[in-house]
Amino acid sequence: MGSRPTITDVAKICGVTPATVSRVLNGKAKFSASQAVRDKIVATAEKLGYVPDLSARNLNRRQTHIIGLFGSPQTHVAEGINESLIEGCAEVLHAGGYDVFFELGALNRGAPAWRFDGAILIQAPRPDLVADLDKRRVPYVCVNERVGKASANVLADDVMGTRRAVDHLKQLGHTRIAYANARATYLEHYSVSERYETLMTLSKGRHVQVVPGHDTPFTSAKAFLTSAVVEQKATAVLCYDHRIAVELMGAAAGMKLRVPQDVSLVCFNDVFPVAQMHPPLTTITVSGRDIGRIGADMLLHNLRKTSSTPTKEIRVAEDLIVRGSTAPPKGTD
């Protein structure tokens, strides 16, 4: 396998200096070179597979036009809203003229050694990375997360989403609701406390009883349904996320509990396979793409500023999608 093509290789073929090649490929217009020479340099570089060395190019620039997206080895990038969130970030950053790299680094590595202009942090970034970004004064924005000294935190409006779920169930006639809380193994996240605390506050004002067990982490689908539905007569269940809801659907079928005739189910996250379940699940959804796009916009805006400002918090609305898993409780019209 041959060595990688260099700027010198391109210059020799075109009969120009490496400096001329560098100016052309970096888009500099104010120097003497004919259009024919420029076209030949671009075509030769493309034919050889040569691309400029970013580290060398950035030595002469105050900006690199590179943004880093950071998660952690525990971040499920292809699950929930993370995939669409990353796509939204990249879409805006690329349109703004920035290259993007994505890192799921190991622990205690800090930030990468190379230069980059800013960062976007998704769920559960490593504490050593956050500390390193703060120390190096690299601007960053958190999307669906809230850590460190971010210039902005773009979060789902879980208060709104929980309110819409509770109001939907109350309007159907449900007054005894069970809550399938997050598992103890889940990553620490603002949504865990916000969904639970909002539910407990709303239940008092809307005269809805949340049956005991709401404050304990979810463990077993069968044990949960036995306690909450069979024994405590809850007629509806609000699930912290779609994974728990899918487990409950499977366990309910095995226990001869019909959804929604015997118990209604609502969950957060309108992602696969909730719409394909039988019946399809009623969900609270938020646009991961919108969160990503807003976060990237906020970062680009911050990079253009000359002075720092207090951290901004932006909430993205959550919507209710009503499907076949919710209905009035038995014995009502």
Protein backbone atom coordinates (compact mmCIF):
# COMPACT_ATOMS: atom_id res chain seq x y z
CA MET A 1 0.00 0.00 0.00
CA GLY A 2 1.56 3.31 -1.10
CA SER A 3 2.16 6.34 1.08
CA ARG A 4 -0.51 8.99 1.42
CA PRO A 5 -0.39 11.78 -1.20
CA THR A 6 1.12 15.05 -0.04
CA ILE A 7 0.82 18.67 -1.02
CA THR A 8 4.25 18.34 -2.67
CA ASP A 9 2.94 15.58 -4.94
CA VAL A 10 0.11 17.83 -6.12
CA ALA A 11 2.51 20.76 -6.64
CA LYS A 12 4.95 18.70 -8.76
CA ILE A 13 2.24 17.41 -11.08
CA CYS A 14 0.77 20.90 -11.53
CA GLY A 15 4.13 22.65 -11.89
CA VAL A 16 3.49 25.08 -9.04
CA THR A 17 4.75 25.60 -5.50
CA PRO A 18 3.20 23.86 -2.47
CA ALA A 19 2.22 27.33 -1.24
CA THR A 20 0.10 27.87 -4.35
CA VAL A 21 -1.60 24.51 -3.86
CA SER A 22 -2.33 25.42 -0.24
CA ARG A 23 -3.85 28.78 -1.17
CA VAL A 24 -6.09 27.25 -3.85
CA LEU A 25 -7.34 24.35 -1.74
CA ASN A 26 -8.00 26.65 1.21
CA GLY A 27 -10.15 28.92 -0.94
CA LYS A 28 -7.94 32.00 -0.93
CA ALA A 29 -8.80 34.22 -3.88
CA LYS A 30 -6.47 37.20 -3.49
CA PHE A 31 -3.30 35.92 -5.17
CA SER A 32 -2.15 35.60 -8.78
CA ALA A 33 -3.14 32.25 -10.28
CA SER A 34 -5.18 31.68 -13.41
CA GLN A 35 -8.47 29.83 -13.32
CA ALA A 36 -6.89 27.08 -15.43
CA VAL A 37 -4.18 26.56 -12.81
CA ARG A 38 -6.75 26.56 -10.01
CA ASP A 39 -8.89 23.99 -11.82
CA LYS A 40 -5.86 21.78 -12.47
CA ILE A 41 -4.85 21.87 -8.79
CA VAL A 42 -8.34 20.95 -7.60
CA ALA A 43 -8.66 18.14 -10.17
CA THR A 44 -5.20 16.75 -9.35
CA ALA A 45 -5.84 16.78 -5.62
CA GLU A 46 -9.13 14.97 -6.15
CA LYS A 47 -7.51 12.38 -8.44
CA LEU A 48 -4.68 11.68 -5.98
CA GLY A 49 -7.02 11.66 -2.98
CA TYR A 50 -5.15 14.49 -1.28
CA VAL A 51 -6.84 16.56 1.42
CA PRO A 52 -5.22 19.37 3.43
CA ASP A 53 -3.69 18.53 6.80
CA LEU A 54 -6.07 20.09 9.33
CA SER A 55 -3.44 20.43 12.05
CA ALA A 56 -1.05 22.24 9.71
CA ARG A 57 -3.81 24.40 8.24
CA ASN A 58 -5.02 25.45 11.68
CA LEU A 59 -1.59 26.65 12.84
CA ASN A 60 -2.19 29.86 10.91
CA ARG A 61 -5.81 30.29 11.97
CA ARG A 62 -7.46 31.49 15.14
CA GLN A 63 -10.40 29.23 14.34
CA THR A 64 -10.37 25.62 13.22
CA HIS A 65 -14.01 25.41 12.04
CA ILE A 66 -14.22 22.07 13.84
CA ILE A 67 -16.82 21.16 16.46
CA GLY A 68 -16.71 18.11 18.71
CA LEU A 69 -19.78 16.09 19.73
CA PHE A 70 -19.16 14.18 22.95
CA GLY A 71 -21.00 11.37 24.67
CA SER A 72 -19.70 8.52 26.78
CA PRO A 73 -19.33 4.73 26.43
CA GLN A 74 -22.62 4.43 28.37
CA THR A 75 -24.55 6.67 25.96
CA HIS A 76 -26.93 4.69 23.75
CA VAL A 77 -26.40 6.71 20.57
CA ALA A 78 -28.75 4.62 18.42
CA GLU A 79 -31.58 4.50 20.96
CA GLY A 80 -34.26 6.92 22.08
CA ILE A 81 -33.85 10.41 20.64
CA ASN A 82 -30.03 10.40 20.48
CA GLU A 83 -29.74 9.38 16.83
CA SER A 84 -32.03 12.14 15.55
CA LEU A 85 -30.48 14.58 18.04
CA ILE A 86 -26.98 13.98 16.59
CA GLU A 87 -28.34 14.33 13.06
CA GLY A 88 -29.89 17.69 13.98
CA CYS A 89 -26.60 18.94 15.43
CA ALA A 90 -24.57 17.86 12.41
CA GLU A 91 -27.08 19.33 9.94
CA VAL A 92 -26.79 22.84 11.41
CA LEU A 93 -23.04 22.70 12.00
CA HIS A 94 -22.29 21.53 8.45
CA ALA A 95 -24.56 24.23 7.03
CA GLY A 96 -22.60 26.75 9.11
CA GLY A 97 -19.32 25.67 7.51
CA TYR A 98 -18.03 23.50 10.36
CA ASP A 99 -16.56 20.02 10.28
CA VAL A 100 -17.80 17.70 13.04
CA PHE A 101 -16.21 14.82 14.91
CA PHE A 102 -17.97 12.52 17.36
CA GLU A 103 -16.23 10.89 20.30
CA LEU A 104 -17.29 8.25 22.79
CA GLY A 105 -13.99 8.19 24.65
CA ALA A 106 -12.77 6.05 27.52
CA LEU A 107 -12.69 7.32 31.10
CA ASN A 108 -10.08 9.77 32.42
CA ARG A 109 -8.93 10.89 29.00
CA GLY A 110 -10.03 14.50 29.13
CA ALA A 111 -10.62 16.49 25.96
CA PRO A 112 -8.77 15.55 22.75
CA ALA A 113 -5.31 17.06 22.33
CA TRP A 114 -6.14 18.72 19.02
CA ARG A 115 -7.74 22.14 18.70
CA PHE A 116 -11.44 22.63 18.03
CA ASP A 117 -13.65 25.69 18.28
CA GLY A 118 -16.49 24.36 20.41
CA ALA A 119 -18.33 21.30 21.65
CA ILE A 120 -21.80 19.85 22.04
CA LEU A 121 -22.37 17.46 24.94
CA ILE A 122 -25.07 14.81 24.81
CA GLN A 123 -26.25 12.52 27.61
CA ALA A 124 -23.76 11.56 30.34
CA PRO A 125 -20.51 13.21 29.17
CA ARG A 126 -17.49 12.17 31.22
CA PRO A 127 -16.75 14.47 34.20
CA ASP A 128 -13.06 14.66 33.24
CA LEU A 129 -14.02 15.85 29.76
CA VAL A 130 -16.34 18.55 31.13
CA ALA A 131 -13.66 19.74 33.55
CA ASP A 132 -11.08 19.86 30.76
CA LEU A 133 -13.37 21.89 28.49
CA ASP A 134 -13.98 24.36 31.33
CA LYS A 135 -10.27 24.61 32.04
CA ARG A 136 -9.40 25.20 28.37
CA ARG A 137 -12.33 27.64 28.03
CA VAL A 138 -13.75 25.77 25.07
CA PRO A 139 -17.36 26.98 24.52
CA TYR A 140 -19.92 24.19 24.71
CA VAL A 141 -23.66 23.58 24.73
CA CYS A 142 -25.51 20.69 26.38
CA VAL A 143 -28.32 19.00 24.45
CA ASN A 144 -30.73 16.81 26.42
CA GLU A 145 -28.29 17.18 29.30
CA ARG A 146 -27.30 19.74 31.95
CA VAL A 147 -23.70 19.71 33.21
CA GLY A 148 -20.70 21.97 33.73
CA LYS A 149 -20.50 25.60 32.63
CA ALA A 150 -22.35 25.31 29.33
CA SER A 151 -23.34 28.46 27.47
CA ALA A 152 -26.78 26.87 26.97
CA ASN A 153 -28.73 23.78 28.01
CA VAL A 154 -31.35 22.62 25.49
CA LEU A 155 -33.74 20.24 27.25
CA ALA A 156 -37.01 18.44 26.67
CA ASP A 157 -39.96 20.02 28.47
CA ASP A 158 -40.75 17.03 30.67
CA VAL A 159 -43.08 19.10 32.84
CA MET A 160 -45.24 19.79 29.80
CA GLY A 161 -45.06 16.16 28.65
CA THR A 162 -46.02 14.72 32.01
CA ARG A 163 -48.90 17.17 32.30
CA ARG A 164 -50.23 16.13 28.89
CA ALA A 165 -50.03 12.45 29.82
CA VAL A 166 -51.85 12.92 33.13
CA ASP A 167 -54.50 15.16 31.59
CA HIS A 168 -55.12 12.62 28.82
CA LEU A 169 -55.65 9.81 31.32
CA LYS A 170 -57.84 11.98 33.57
CA GLN A 171 -60.01 13.01 30.63
CA LEU A 172 -60.54 9.34 29.82
CA GLY A 173 -61.74 8.80 33.38
CA HIS A 174 -58.69 7.30 35.07
CA THR A 175 -58.26 8.31 38.71
CA ARG A 176 -55.96 5.49 39.91
CA ILE A 177 -52.65 5.61 38.07
CA ALA A 178 -49.45 3.63 38.52
CA TYR A 179 -46.02 5.01 37.66
CA ALA A 180 -43.33 2.70 36.29
CA ASN A 181 -40.27 4.65 37.40
CA ALA A 182 -36.80 4.53 35.82
CA ARG A 183 -34.59 1.52 36.49
CA ALA A 184 -31.83 1.95 39.07
CA THR A 185 -29.31 1.06 36.34
CA TYR A 186 -30.26 4.02 34.14
CA LEU A 187 -27.82 6.89 33.76
CA GLU A 188 -28.43 9.91 35.97
CA HIS A 189 -30.58 12.35 34.00
CA TYR A 190 -32.78 15.36 34.64
CA SER A 191 -35.80 13.57 33.14
CA VAL A 192 -35.86 10.99 35.95
CA SER A 193 -36.62 13.55 38.65
CA GLU A 194 -38.68 15.95 36.53
CA ARG A 195 -41.17 13.35 35.28
CA TYR A 196 -41.63 11.85 38.74
CA GLU A 197 -41.90 15.13 40.66
CA THR A 198 -44.30 16.61 38.10
CA LEU A 199 -46.54 13.55 38.28
CA MET A 200 -46.74 13.71 42.07
CA THR A 201 -47.53 17.44 42.02
CA LEU A 202 -50.18 17.09 39.31
CA SER A 203 -51.88 14.17 41.01
CA LYS A 204 -52.82 16.36 43.95
CA GLY A 205 -54.33 19.15 41.88
CA ARG A 206 -56.18 16.85 39.49
CA HIS A 207 -57.54 14.46 42.12
CA VAL A 208 -55.64 11.50 40.69
CA GLN A 209 -54.23 8.86 43.03
CA VAL A 210 -50.83 7.41 42.20
CA VAL A 211 -50.76 3.94 43.75
CA PRO A 212 -47.85 2.93 46.04
CA GLY A 213 -44.66 1.78 44.35
CA HIS A 214 -44.24 4.96 42.32
CA ASP A 215 -41.07 5.95 44.16
CA THR A 216 -39.14 2.71 43.65
CA PRO A 217 -37.03 1.83 40.59
CA PHE A 218 -38.64 -0.48 38.06
CA THR A 219 -37.34 -4.06 38.20
CA SER A 220 -39.82 -6.69 37.03
CA ALA A 221 -42.71 -6.15 34.61
CA LYS A 222 -44.74 -9.03 36.01
CA ALA A 223 -44.17 -8.00 39.63
CA PHE A 224 -45.10 -4.41 38.81
CA LEU A 225 -48.37 -5.35 37.10
CA THR A 226 -49.27 -7.79 39.88
CA SER A 227 -48.81 -5.13 42.53
CA ALA A 228 -50.08 -2.02 40.73
CA VAL A 229 -52.89 -3.38 38.55
CA VAL A 230 -54.05 -6.72 39.99
CA GLU A 231 -53.72 -5.91 43.69
CA GLN A 232 -54.01 -2.09 43.85
CA LYS A 233 -56.48 -1.73 40.98
CA ALA A 234 -54.67 0.92 38.99
CA THR A 235 -56.48 1.37 35.68
CA ALA A 236 -53.63 3.11 33.86
CA VAL A 237 -49.83 3.10 33.90
CA LEU A 238 -47.49 5.94 32.98
CA CYS A 239 -44.06 4.58 32.05
CA TYR A 240 -40.80 6.48 32.38
CA ASP A 241 -39.73 5.34 28.92
CA HIS A 242 -40.59 3.14 25.95
CA ARG A 243 -38.37 0.24 27.00
CA ILE A 244 -40.30 -0.26 30.24
CA ALA A 245 -43.61 0.09 28.37
CA VAL A 246 -42.67 -2.63 25.88
CA GLU A 247 -41.76 -4.96 28.74
CA LEU A 248 -45.09 -4.27 30.41
CA MET A 249 -46.96 -5.01 27.19
CA GLY A 250 -45.29 -8.40 26.96
CA ALA A 251 -45.91 -9.24 30.61
CA ALA A 252 -49.54 -8.13 30.41
CA ALA A 253 -50.20 -10.53 27.55
CA GLY A 254 -48.72 -13.36 29.58
CA MET A 255 -50.94 -12.46 32.55
CA LYS A 256 -54.10 -12.22 30.39
CA LEU A 257 -54.34 -8.48 31.08
CA ARG A 258 -55.71 -6.70 28.02
CA VAL A 259 -54.35 -3.34 26.88
CA PRO A 260 -56.27 -1.02 26.97
CA GLN A 261 -59.41 -2.87 28.14
CA ASP A 262 -57.93 -3.86 31.52
CA VAL A 263 -55.16 -1.28 31.82
CA SER A 264 -54.12 1.72 29.73
CA LEU A 265 -50.44 2.40 29.00
CA VAL A 266 -48.67 5.68 28.23
CA CYS A 267 -44.92 6.08 27.81
CA PHE A 268 -42.29 8.65 26.93
CA ASN A 269 -40.31 8.46 23.64
CA ASP A 270 -42.05 7.87 20.33
CA VAL A 271 -39.36 5.59 18.91
CA PHE A 272 -39.26 2.04 17.57
CA PRO A 273 -41.09 -0.19 18.33
CA VAL A 274 -43.88 1.69 20.16
CA ALA A 275 -45.92 2.43 17.03
CA GLN A 276 -45.58 -1.20 15.89
CA MET A 277 -46.85 -2.76 19.12
CA HIS A 278 -50.30 -4.37 19.31
CA PRO A 279 -51.98 -2.15 20.21
CA PRO A 280 -49.65 0.74 19.31
CA LEU A 281 -48.60 2.76 22.34
CA THR A 282 -49.81 6.21 23.27
CA THR A 283 -46.66 8.27 23.79
CA ILE A 284 -45.20 11.57 24.90
CA THR A 285 -42.73 12.61 22.24
CA VAL A 286 -40.10 15.29 21.75
CA SER A 287 -38.16 16.04 18.57
CA GLY A 288 -34.56 15.02 19.10
CA ARG A 289 -33.73 16.69 15.78
CA ASP A 290 -35.14 20.01 17.06
CA ILE A 291 -33.12 19.73 20.27
CA GLY A 292 -29.97 19.08 18.25
CA ARG A 293 -30.64 21.88 15.78
CA ILE A 294 -31.37 24.43 18.52
CA GLY A 295 -28.28 23.36 20.46
CA ALA A 296 -26.05 23.73 17.41
CA ASP A 297 -27.58 27.13 16.60
CA MET A 298 -26.90 28.28 20.16
CA LEU A 299 -23.27 27.14 19.95
CA LEU A 300 -22.67 28.91 16.63
CA HIS A 301 -24.27 32.07 18.05
CA ASN A 302 -22.02 31.85 21.10
CA LEU A 303 -18.90 31.43 18.95
CA ARG A 304 -19.69 34.74 17.26
CA LYS A 305 -19.98 36.64 20.56
CA THR A 306 -17.08 38.55 22.07
CA SER A 307 -18.17 38.30 25.71
CA SER A 308 -19.59 35.58 27.91
CA THR A 309 -23.17 35.54 29.20
CA PRO A 310 -24.98 33.49 31.87
CA THR A 311 -26.08 29.98 30.92
CA LYS A 312 -29.37 29.92 29.02
CA GLU A 313 -31.91 27.12 29.39
CA ILE A 314 -34.20 26.34 26.48
CA ARG A 315 -37.06 23.86 26.71
CA VAL A 316 -38.38 22.04 23.64
CA ALA A 317 -42.10 21.22 23.71
CA GLU A 318 -43.30 17.64 24.13
CA ASP A 319 -46.41 16.38 22.37
CA LEU A 320 -49.00 13.69 23.11
CA ILE A 321 -49.60 11.08 20.41
CA VAL A 322 -52.77 9.14 21.17
CA ARG A 323 -52.85 5.56 19.92
CA GLY A 324 -54.60 2.33 20.83
CA SER A 325 -53.05 1.65 24.24
CA THR A 326 -55.28 4.12 26.12
CA ALA A 327 -59.06 4.02 26.60
CA PRO A 328 -61.59 4.74 29.35
CA PRO A 329 -61.38 2.35 32.31
CA LYS A 330 -63.72 -0.63 32.44
CA GLY A 331 -67.23 0.17 33.55
CA THR A 332 -67.31 3.68 32.07
CA ASP A 333 -68.80 4.95 28.88
